[in-house]
Amino acid sequence: ATMHMLEMDELVLSERALREGLIFDWMMRKGF
């Protein structure tokens, strides 16, 4: 439904999401 509603012909898969975002956010907060 999302693809059709946004008229997207294709999508790209990502294996990174929320958990990797927690690591990324921690790195930003710690100054890395």
Full PDB file with SEQRES, HELIX, SHEET, SSBOND, CRYST1, ORIGX, SCALE, CONECT and MASTER records, all heavy atoms in Angstrom:
SEQRES   1 A   32  ALA THR MET HIS MET LEU GLU MET ASP GLU LEU VAL LEU          
SEQRES   2 A   32  SER GLU ARG ALA LEU ARG GLU GLY LEU ILE PHE ASP TRP          
SEQRES   3 A   32  MET MET ARG LYS GLY PHE                                      
HELIX    1 AA1 THR A    2  MET A    5  1                                   4    
HELIX    2 AA2 LEU A   18  ARG A   29  1                                  12    
CRYST1    1.000    1.000    1.000  90.00  90.00  90.00 P 1           1          
ORIGX1      1.000000  0.000000  0.000000        0.00000                         
ORIGX2      0.000000  1.000000  0.000000        0.00000                         
ORIGX3      0.000000  0.000000  1.000000        0.00000                         
SCALE1      1.000000  0.000000  0.000000        0.00000                         
SCALE2      0.000000  1.000000  0.000000        0.00000                         
SCALE3      0.000000  0.000000  1.000000        0.00000                         
ATOM      1  N   ALA A   1       0.832  -1.208   0.000  1.00  0.00           N  
ATOM      2  CA  ALA A   1       0.000   0.000   0.000  1.00  0.00           C  
ATOM      3  C   ALA A   1       0.863   1.254   0.000  1.00  0.00           C  
ATOM      4  O   ALA A   1       0.571   2.234  -0.715  1.00  0.00           O  
ATOM      5  CB  ALA A   1      -0.921  -0.009   1.213  1.00  0.00           C  
ATOM      6  N   THR A   2       1.945   1.265   0.789  1.00  0.00           N  
ATOM      7  CA  THR A   2       2.816   2.439   0.870  1.00  0.00           C  
ATOM      8  C   THR A   2       3.477   2.722  -0.476  1.00  0.00           C  
ATOM      9  O   THR A   2       3.547   3.880  -0.918  1.00  0.00           O  
ATOM     10  CB  THR A   2       3.890   2.242   1.956  1.00  0.00           C  
ATOM     11  OG1 THR A   2       3.268   1.855   3.185  1.00  0.00           O  
ATOM     12  CG2 THR A   2       4.673   3.524   2.176  1.00  0.00           C  
ATOM     13  N   MET A   3       3.952   1.677  -1.129  1.00  0.00           N  
ATOM     14  CA  MET A   3       4.583   1.857  -2.446  1.00  0.00           C  
ATOM     15  C   MET A   3       3.597   2.452  -3.444  1.00  0.00           C  
ATOM     16  O   MET A   3       3.927   3.372  -4.198  1.00  0.00           O  
ATOM     17  CB  MET A   3       5.131   0.530  -2.971  1.00  0.00           C  
ATOM     18  CG  MET A   3       6.382   0.042  -2.297  1.00  0.00           C  
ATOM     19  SD  MET A   3       7.196  -1.305  -3.198  1.00  0.00           S  
ATOM     20  CE  MET A   3       8.042  -0.396  -4.508  1.00  0.00           C  
ATOM     21  N   HIS A   4       2.391   1.915  -3.462  1.00  0.00           N  
ATOM     22  CA  HIS A   4       1.394   2.397  -4.419  1.00  0.00           C  
ATOM     23  C   HIS A   4       0.951   3.822  -4.096  1.00  0.00           C  
ATOM     24  O   HIS A   4       0.808   4.655  -4.999  1.00  0.00           O  
ATOM     25  CB  HIS A   4       0.184   1.463  -4.436  1.00  0.00           C  
ATOM     26  CG  HIS A   4       0.420   0.209  -5.223  1.00  0.00           C  
ATOM     27  ND1 HIS A   4       0.205   0.144  -6.589  1.00  0.00           N  
ATOM     28  CD2 HIS A   4       0.862  -1.021  -4.858  1.00  0.00           C  
ATOM     29  CE1 HIS A   4       0.500  -1.076  -7.027  1.00  0.00           C  
ATOM     30  NE2 HIS A   4       0.902  -1.802  -5.985  1.00  0.00           N  
ATOM     31  N   MET A   5       0.748   4.128  -2.819  1.00  0.00           N  
ATOM     32  CA  MET A   5       0.277   5.457  -2.445  1.00  0.00           C  
ATOM     33  C   MET A   5       1.323   6.533  -2.738  1.00  0.00           C  
ATOM     34  O   MET A   5       0.982   7.664  -3.087  1.00  0.00           O  
ATOM     35  CB  MET A   5      -0.103   5.478  -0.967  1.00  0.00           C  
ATOM     36  CG  MET A   5      -1.325   4.623  -0.645  1.00  0.00           C  
ATOM     37  SD  MET A   5      -1.632   4.468   1.134  1.00  0.00           S  
ATOM     38  CE  MET A   5      -2.337   6.095   1.486  1.00  0.00           C  
ATOM     39  N   LEU A   6       2.594   6.178  -2.601  1.00  0.00           N  
ATOM     40  CA  LEU A   6       3.676   7.124  -2.880  1.00  0.00           C  
ATOM     41  C   LEU A   6       4.179   7.018  -4.317  1.00  0.00           C  
ATOM     42  O   LEU A   6       5.121   7.708  -4.702  1.00  0.00           O  
ATOM     43  CB  LEU A   6       4.835   6.910  -1.906  1.00  0.00           C  
ATOM     44  CG  LEU A   6       4.576   7.359  -0.466  1.00  0.00           C  
ATOM     45  CD1 LEU A   6       5.661   6.847   0.465  1.00  0.00           C  
ATOM     46  CD2 LEU A   6       4.481   8.876  -0.386  1.00  0.00           C  
ATOM     47  N   GLU A   7       3.559   6.116  -5.094  1.00  0.00           N  
ATOM     48  CA  GLU A   7       3.895   5.920  -6.515  1.00  0.00           C  
ATOM     49  C   GLU A   7       5.377   5.598  -6.700  1.00  0.00           C  
ATOM     50  O   GLU A   7       6.070   6.195  -7.524  1.00  0.00           O  
ATOM     51  CB  GLU A   7       3.495   7.160  -7.325  1.00  0.00           C  
ATOM     52  CG  GLU A   7       2.003   7.451  -7.263  1.00  0.00           C  
ATOM     53  CD  GLU A   7       1.615   8.707  -8.031  1.00  0.00           C  
ATOM     54  OE1 GLU A   7       2.513   9.548  -8.293  1.00  0.00           O  
ATOM     55  OE2 GLU A   7       0.435   8.853  -8.360  1.00  0.00           O  
ATOM     56  N   MET A   8       5.853   4.649  -5.916  1.00  0.00           N  
ATOM     57  CA  MET A   8       7.245   4.211  -5.980  1.00  0.00           C  
ATOM     58  C   MET A   8       7.368   2.963  -6.853  1.00  0.00           C  
ATOM     59  O   MET A   8       6.650   1.986  -6.640  1.00  0.00           O  
ATOM     60  CB  MET A   8       7.767   3.895  -4.569  1.00  0.00           C  
ATOM     61  CG  MET A   8       7.819   5.087  -3.645  1.00  0.00           C  
ATOM     62  SD  MET A   8       9.120   6.233  -4.134  1.00  0.00           S  
ATOM     63  CE  MET A   8       9.020   7.454  -2.805  1.00  0.00           C  
ATOM     64  N   ASP A   9       8.260   3.008  -7.824  1.00  0.00           N  
ATOM     65  CA  ASP A   9       8.464   1.858  -8.709  1.00  0.00           C  
ATOM     66  C   ASP A   9       9.342   0.788  -8.083  1.00  0.00           C  
ATOM     67  O   ASP A   9       9.246  -0.387  -8.446  1.00  0.00           O  
ATOM     68  CB  ASP A   9       9.087   2.309 -10.034  1.00  0.00           C  
ATOM     69  CG  ASP A   9       8.145   3.181 -10.839  1.00  0.00           C  
ATOM     70  OD1 ASP A   9       6.918   2.973 -10.741  1.00  0.00           O  
ATOM     71  OD2 ASP A   9       8.635   4.071 -11.554  1.00  0.00           O  
ATOM     72  N   GLU A  10      10.210   1.202  -7.156  1.00  0.00           N  
ATOM     73  CA  GLU A  10      11.099   0.250  -6.491  1.00  0.00           C  
ATOM     74  C   GLU A  10      11.501   0.790  -5.135  1.00  0.00           C  
ATOM     75  O   GLU A  10      11.322   1.968  -4.822  1.00  0.00           O  
ATOM     76  CB  GLU A  10      12.350  -0.051  -7.335  1.00  0.00           C  
ATOM     77  CG  GLU A  10      13.312   1.097  -7.467  1.00  0.00           C  
ATOM     78  CD  GLU A  10      14.590   0.732  -8.209  1.00  0.00           C  
ATOM     79  OE1 GLU A  10      14.632  -0.323  -8.862  1.00  0.00           O  
ATOM     80  OE2 GLU A  10      15.547   1.520  -8.144  1.00  0.00           O  
ATOM     81  N   LEU A  11      12.037  -0.099  -4.324  1.00  0.00           N  
ATOM     82  CA  LEU A  11      12.564   0.280  -3.021  1.00  0.00           C  
ATOM     83  C   LEU A  11      13.908  -0.394  -2.808  1.00  0.00           C  
ATOM     84  O   LEU A  11      14.250  -1.362  -3.490  1.00  0.00           O  
ATOM     85  CB  LEU A  11      11.586  -0.095  -1.899  1.00  0.00           C  
ATOM     86  CG  LEU A  11      11.177  -1.558  -1.720  1.00  0.00           C  
ATOM     87  CD1 LEU A  11      12.214  -2.343  -0.926  1.00  0.00           C  
ATOM     88  CD2 LEU A  11       9.832  -1.658  -1.028  1.00  0.00           C  
ATOM     89  N   VAL A  12      14.668   0.144  -1.862  1.00  0.00           N  
ATOM     90  CA  VAL A  12      15.967  -0.407  -1.493  1.00  0.00           C  
ATOM     91  C   VAL A  12      15.862  -0.935  -0.067  1.00  0.00           C  
ATOM     92  O   VAL A  12      15.274  -0.287   0.803  1.00  0.00           O  
ATOM     93  CB  VAL A  12      17.072   0.664  -1.572  1.00  0.00           C  
ATOM     94  CG1 VAL A  12      18.433   0.051  -1.251  1.00  0.00           C  
ATOM     95  CG2 VAL A  12      17.089   1.323  -2.935  1.00  0.00           C  
ATOM     96  N   LEU A  13      16.419  -2.112   0.171  1.00  0.00           N  
ATOM     97  CA  LEU A  13      16.364  -2.701   1.510  1.00  0.00           C  
ATOM     98  C   LEU A  13      17.544  -2.231   2.358  1.00  0.00           C  
ATOM     99  O   LEU A  13      18.667  -2.080   1.862  1.00  0.00           O  
ATOM    100  CB  LEU A  13      16.386  -4.227   1.424  1.00  0.00           C  
ATOM    101  CG  LEU A  13      15.182  -4.883   0.746  1.00  0.00           C  
ATOM    102  CD1 LEU A  13      15.400  -6.389   0.632  1.00  0.00           C  
ATOM    103  CD2 LEU A  13      13.896  -4.599   1.511  1.00  0.00           C  
ATOM    104  N   SER A  14      17.278  -1.986   3.615  1.00  0.00           N  
ATOM    105  CA  SER A  14      18.331  -1.633   4.574  1.00  0.00           C  
ATOM    106  C   SER A  14      18.290  -2.617   5.734  1.00  0.00           C  
ATOM    107  O   SER A  14      17.227  -2.871   6.309  1.00  0.00           O  
ATOM    108  CB  SER A  14      18.131  -0.207   5.109  1.00  0.00           C  
ATOM    109  OG  SER A  14      18.999   0.048   6.201  1.00  0.00           O  
ATOM    110  N   GLU A  15      19.440  -3.158   6.084  1.00  0.00           N  
ATOM    111  CA  GLU A  15      19.529  -4.062   7.226  1.00  0.00           C  
ATOM    112  C   GLU A  15      19.746  -3.298   8.525  1.00  0.00           C  
ATOM    113  O   GLU A  15      19.778  -3.892   9.596  1.00  0.00           O  
ATOM    114  CB  GLU A  15      20.663  -5.075   7.011  1.00  0.00           C  
ATOM    115  CG  GLU A  15      20.370  -6.060   5.880  1.00  0.00           C  
ATOM    116  CD  GLU A  15      21.470  -7.092   5.695  1.00  0.00           C  
ATOM    117  OE1 GLU A  15      22.627  -6.788   6.047  1.00  0.00           O  
ATOM    118  OE2 GLU A  15      21.177  -8.185   5.203  1.00  0.00           O  
ATOM    119  N   ARG A  16      19.915  -1.985   8.433  1.00  0.00           N  
ATOM    120  CA  ARG A  16      20.102  -1.166   9.626  1.00  0.00           C  
ATOM    121  C   ARG A  16      18.828  -0.383   9.928  1.00  0.00           C  
ATOM    122  O   ARG A  16      18.184   0.130   9.015  1.00  0.00           O  
ATOM    123  CB  ARG A  16      21.280  -0.212   9.451  1.00  0.00           C  
ATOM    124  CG  ARG A  16      22.617  -0.938   9.412  1.00  0.00           C  
ATOM    125  CD  ARG A  16      23.781   0.008   9.590  1.00  0.00           C  
ATOM    126  NE  ARG A  16      25.017  -0.728   9.828  1.00  0.00           N  
ATOM    127  CZ  ARG A  16      26.148  -0.168  10.257  1.00  0.00           C  
ATOM    128  NH1 ARG A  16      26.199   1.119  10.515  1.00  0.00           N  
ATOM    129  NH2 ARG A  16      27.227  -0.903  10.451  1.00  0.00           N  
ATOM    130  N   ALA A  17      18.492  -0.286  11.202  1.00  0.00           N  
ATOM    131  CA  ALA A  17      17.259   0.398  11.590  1.00  0.00           C  
ATOM    132  C   ALA A  17      17.376   0.918  13.024  1.00  0.00           C  
ATOM    133  O   ALA A  17      18.371   1.551  13.379  1.00  0.00           O  
ATOM    134  CB  ALA A  17      16.065  -0.532  11.422  1.00  0.00           C  
ATOM    135  N   LEU A  18      16.383   0.619  13.860  1.00  0.00           N  
ATOM    136  CA  LEU A  18      16.285   1.195  15.201  1.00  0.00           C  
ATOM    137  C   LEU A  18      17.499   0.899  16.076  1.00  0.00           C  
ATOM    138  O   LEU A  18      18.054   1.801  16.715  1.00  0.00           O  
ATOM    139  CB  LEU A  18      15.014   0.686  15.878  1.00  0.00           C  
ATOM    140  CG  LEU A  18      14.803   1.092  17.343  1.00  0.00           C  
ATOM    141  CD1 LEU A  18      14.720   2.596  17.490  1.00  0.00           C  
ATOM    142  CD2 LEU A  18      13.550   0.435  17.905  1.00  0.00           C  
ATOM    143  N   ARG A  19      17.933  -0.349  16.133  1.00  0.00           N  
ATOM    144  CA  ARG A  19      19.031  -0.703  17.039  1.00  0.00           C  
ATOM    145  C   ARG A  19      20.324   0.000  16.642  1.00  0.00           C  
ATOM    146  O   ARG A  19      21.066   0.504  17.492  1.00  0.00           O  
ATOM    147  CB  ARG A  19      19.208  -2.227  17.072  1.00  0.00           C  
ATOM    148  CG  ARG A  19      18.043  -2.925  17.747  1.00  0.00           C  
ATOM    149  CD  ARG A  19      18.100  -4.424  17.595  1.00  0.00           C  
ATOM    150  NE  ARG A  19      17.957  -4.889  16.233  1.00  0.00           N  
ATOM    151  CZ  ARG A  19      16.790  -4.921  15.567  1.00  0.00           C  
ATOM    152  NH1 ARG A  19      15.695  -4.474  16.139  1.00  0.00           N  
ATOM    153  NH2 ARG A  19      16.732  -5.392  14.342  1.00  0.00           N  
ATOM    154  N   GLU A  20      20.595   0.022  15.330  1.00  0.00           N  
ATOM    155  CA  GLU A  20      21.778   0.744  14.865  1.00  0.00           C  
ATOM    156  C   GLU A  20      21.621   2.243  15.129  1.00  0.00           C  
ATOM    157  O   GLU A  20      22.608   2.944  15.392  1.00  0.00           O  
ATOM    158  CB  GLU A  20      21.998   0.485  13.377  1.00  0.00           C  
ATOM    159  CG  GLU A  20      22.451  -0.930  13.041  1.00  0.00           C  
ATOM    160  CD  GLU A  20      21.324  -1.948  13.051  1.00  0.00           C  
ATOM    161  OE1 GLU A  20      20.145  -1.545  13.167  1.00  0.00           O  
ATOM    162  OE2 GLU A  20      21.605  -3.163  12.941  1.00  0.00           O  
ATOM    163  N   GLY A  21      20.376   2.723  15.065  1.00  0.00           N  
ATOM    164  CA  GLY A  21      20.123   4.123  15.393  1.00  0.00           C  
ATOM    165  C   GLY A  21      20.435   4.438  16.837  1.00  0.00           C  
ATOM    166  O   GLY A  21      20.902   5.540  17.165  1.00  0.00           O  
ATOM    167  N   LEU A  22      20.186   3.492  17.744  1.00  0.00           N  
ATOM    168  CA  LEU A  22      20.539   3.682  19.154  1.00  0.00           C  
ATOM    169  C   LEU A  22      22.052   3.835  19.323  1.00  0.00           C  
ATOM    170  O   LEU A  22      22.521   4.662  20.114  1.00  0.00           O  
ATOM    171  CB  LEU A  22      20.040   2.501  19.988  1.00  0.00           C  
ATOM    172  CG  LEU A  22      18.530   2.404  20.204  1.00  0.00           C  
ATOM    173  CD1 LEU A  22      18.166   1.052  20.827  1.00  0.00           C  
ATOM    174  CD2 LEU A  22      18.048   3.540  21.101  1.00  0.00           C  
ATOM    175  N   ILE A  23      22.816   3.028  18.586  1.00  0.00           N  
ATOM    176  CA  ILE A  23      24.281   3.137  18.637  1.00  0.00           C  
ATOM    177  C   ILE A  23      24.721   4.483  18.073  1.00  0.00           C  
ATOM    178  O   ILE A  23      25.562   5.193  18.661  1.00  0.00           O  
ATOM    179  CB  ILE A  23      24.941   1.987  17.845  1.00  0.00           C  
ATOM    180  CG1 ILE A  23      24.504   0.621  18.380  1.00  0.00           C  
ATOM    181  CG2 ILE A  23      26.457   2.127  17.873  1.00  0.00           C  
ATOM    182  CD1 ILE A  23      24.943   0.324  19.787  1.00  0.00           C  
ATOM    183  N   PHE A  24      24.172   4.848  16.928  1.00  0.00           N  
ATOM    184  CA  PHE A  24      24.520   6.118  16.274  1.00  0.00           C  
ATOM    185  C   PHE A  24      24.200   7.294  17.184  1.00  0.00           C  
ATOM    186  O   PHE A  24      24.991   8.242  17.331  1.00  0.00           O  
ATOM    187  CB  PHE A  24      23.732   6.218  14.961  1.00  0.00           C  
ATOM    188  CG  PHE A  24      24.245   7.237  13.989  1.00  0.00           C  
ATOM    189  CD1 PHE A  24      25.088   6.875  12.952  1.00  0.00           C  
ATOM    190  CD2 PHE A  24      23.868   8.562  14.096  1.00  0.00           C  
ATOM    191  CE1 PHE A  24      25.546   7.819  12.044  1.00  0.00           C  
ATOM    192  CE2 PHE A  24      24.323   9.512  13.199  1.00  0.00           C  
ATOM    193  CZ  PHE A  24      25.166   9.141  12.167  1.00  0.00           C  
ATOM    194  N   ASP A  25      23.020   7.248  17.813  1.00  0.00           N  
ATOM    195  CA  ASP A  25      22.601   8.323  18.720  1.00  0.00           C  
ATOM    196  C   ASP A  25      23.529   8.402  19.935  1.00  0.00           C  
ATOM    197  O   ASP A  25      23.892   9.504  20.388  1.00  0.00           O  
ATOM    198  CB  ASP A  25      21.155   8.064  19.161  1.00  0.00           C  
ATOM    199  CG  ASP A  25      20.581   9.205  19.974  1.00  0.00           C  
ATOM    200  OD1 ASP A  25      20.540  10.337  19.459  1.00  0.00           O  
ATOM    201  OD2 ASP A  25      20.188   8.968  21.132  1.00  0.00           O  
ATOM    202  N   TRP A  26      23.932   7.257  20.470  1.00  0.00           N  
ATOM    203  CA  TRP A  26      24.864   7.227  21.593  1.00  0.00           C  
ATOM    204  C   TRP A  26      26.198   7.867  21.205  1.00  0.00           C  
ATOM    205  O   TRP A  26      26.773   8.636  21.983  1.00  0.00           O  
ATOM    206  CB  TRP A  26      25.079   5.784  22.046  1.00  0.00           C  
ATOM    207  CG  TRP A  26      26.005   5.635  23.220  1.00  0.00           C  
ATOM    208  CD1 TRP A  26      25.669   5.629  24.542  1.00  0.00           C  
ATOM    209  CD2 TRP A  26      27.432   5.465  23.181  1.00  0.00           C  
ATOM    210  NE1 TRP A  26      26.790   5.474  25.331  1.00  0.00           N  
ATOM    211  CE2 TRP A  26      27.885   5.363  24.522  1.00  0.00           C  
ATOM    212  CE3 TRP A  26      28.363   5.380  22.159  1.00  0.00           C  
ATOM    213  CZ2 TRP A  26      29.227   5.197  24.838  1.00  0.00           C  
ATOM    214  CZ3 TRP A  26      29.708   5.222  22.470  1.00  0.00           C  
ATOM    215  CH2 TRP A  26      30.126   5.119  23.805  1.00  0.00           C  
ATOM    216  N   MET A  27      26.669   7.559  19.984  1.00  0.00           N  
ATOM    217  CA  MET A  27      27.930   8.127  19.518  1.00  0.00           C  
ATOM    218  C   MET A  27      27.846   9.648  19.401  1.00  0.00           C  
ATOM    219  O   MET A  27      28.792  10.359  19.737  1.00  0.00           O  
ATOM    220  CB  MET A  27      28.311   7.506  18.169  1.00  0.00           C  
ATOM    221  CG  MET A  27      28.700   6.038  18.246  1.00  0.00           C  
ATOM    222  SD  MET A  27      28.980   5.295  16.615  1.00  0.00           S  
ATOM    223  CE  MET A  27      30.444   6.206  16.081  1.00  0.00           C  
ATOM    224  N   MET A  28      26.709  10.154  18.952  1.00  0.00           N  
ATOM    225  CA  MET A  28      26.541  11.609  18.854  1.00  0.00           C  
ATOM    226  C   MET A  28      26.507  12.247  20.241  1.00  0.00           C  
ATOM    227  O   MET A  28      27.131  13.285  20.482  1.00  0.00           O  
ATOM    228  CB  MET A  28      25.262  11.944  18.087  1.00  0.00           C  
ATOM    229  CG  MET A  28      25.350  11.647  16.591  1.00  0.00           C  
ATOM    230  SD  MET A  28      24.044  12.457  15.638  1.00  0.00           S  
ATOM    231  CE  MET A  28      22.584  11.702  16.344  1.00  0.00           C  
ATOM    232  N   ARG A  29      25.793  11.621  21.160  1.00  0.00           N  
ATOM    233  CA  ARG A  29      25.683  12.184  22.503  1.00  0.00           C  
ATOM    234  C   ARG A  29      27.022  12.172  23.250  1.00  0.00           C  
ATOM    235  O   ARG A  29      27.279  13.027  24.090  1.00  0.00           O  
ATOM    236  CB  ARG A  29      24.625  11.422  23.303  1.00  0.00           C  
ATOM    237  CG  ARG A  29      23.198  11.751  22.863  1.00  0.00           C  
ATOM    238  CD  ARG A  29      22.154  11.132  23.769  1.00  0.00           C  
ATOM    239  NE  ARG A  29      21.985   9.706  23.538  1.00  0.00           N  
ATOM    240  CZ  ARG A  29      22.382   8.750  24.352  1.00  0.00           C  
ATOM    241  NH1 ARG A  29      23.025   9.051  25.462  1.00  0.00           N  
ATOM    242  NH2 ARG A  29      22.167   7.481  24.071  1.00  0.00           N  
ATOM    243  N   LYS A  30      27.867  11.180  22.930  1.00  0.00           N  
ATOM    244  CA  LYS A  30      29.161  11.058  23.596  1.00  0.00           C  
ATOM    245  C   LYS A  30      30.275  11.834  22.884  1.00  0.00           C  
ATOM    246  O   LYS A  30      31.430  11.789  23.301  1.00  0.00           O  
ATOM    247  CB  LYS A  30      29.560   9.583  23.697  1.00  0.00           C  
ATOM    248  CG  LYS A  30      28.618   8.758  24.574  1.00  0.00           C  
ATOM    249  CD  LYS A  30      28.628   9.236  26.011  1.00  0.00           C  
ATOM    250  CE  LYS A  30      27.725   8.386  26.883  1.00  0.00           C  
ATOM    251  NZ  LYS A  30      27.695   8.839  28.285  1.00  0.00           N  
ATOM    252  N   GLY A  31      29.931  12.512  21.796  1.00  0.00           N  
ATOM    253  CA  GLY A  31      30.916  13.338  21.114  1.00  0.00           C  
ATOM    254  C   GLY A  31      31.735  12.630  20.055  1.00  0.00           C  
ATOM    255  O   GLY A  31      32.655  13.227  19.485  1.00  0.00           O  
ATOM    256  N   PHE A  32      31.436  11.358  19.763  1.00  0.00           N  
ATOM    257  CA  PHE A  32      32.164  10.658  18.704  1.00  0.00           C  
ATOM    258  C   PHE A  32      31.774  11.205  17.331  1.00  0.00           C  
ATOM    259  O   PHE A  32      32.545  11.131  16.386  1.00  0.00           O  
ATOM    260  CB  PHE A  32      31.872   9.156  18.741  1.00  0.00           C  
ATOM    261  CG  PHE A  32      32.524   8.444  19.892  1.00  0.00           C  
ATOM    262  CD1 PHE A  32      31.796   8.031  20.981  1.00  0.00           C  
ATOM    263  CD2 PHE A  32      33.886   8.192  19.882  1.00  0.00           C  
ATOM    264  CE1 PHE A  32      32.383   7.381  22.048  1.00  0.00           C  
ATOM    265  CE2 PHE A  32      34.502   7.542  20.938  1.00  0.00           C  
ATOM    266  CZ  PHE A  32      33.743   7.132  22.029  1.00  0.00           C  
TER     267      PHE A  32                                                      
MASTER        0    0    0    2    0    0    0    6  266    1    0    3          
END                                                                             
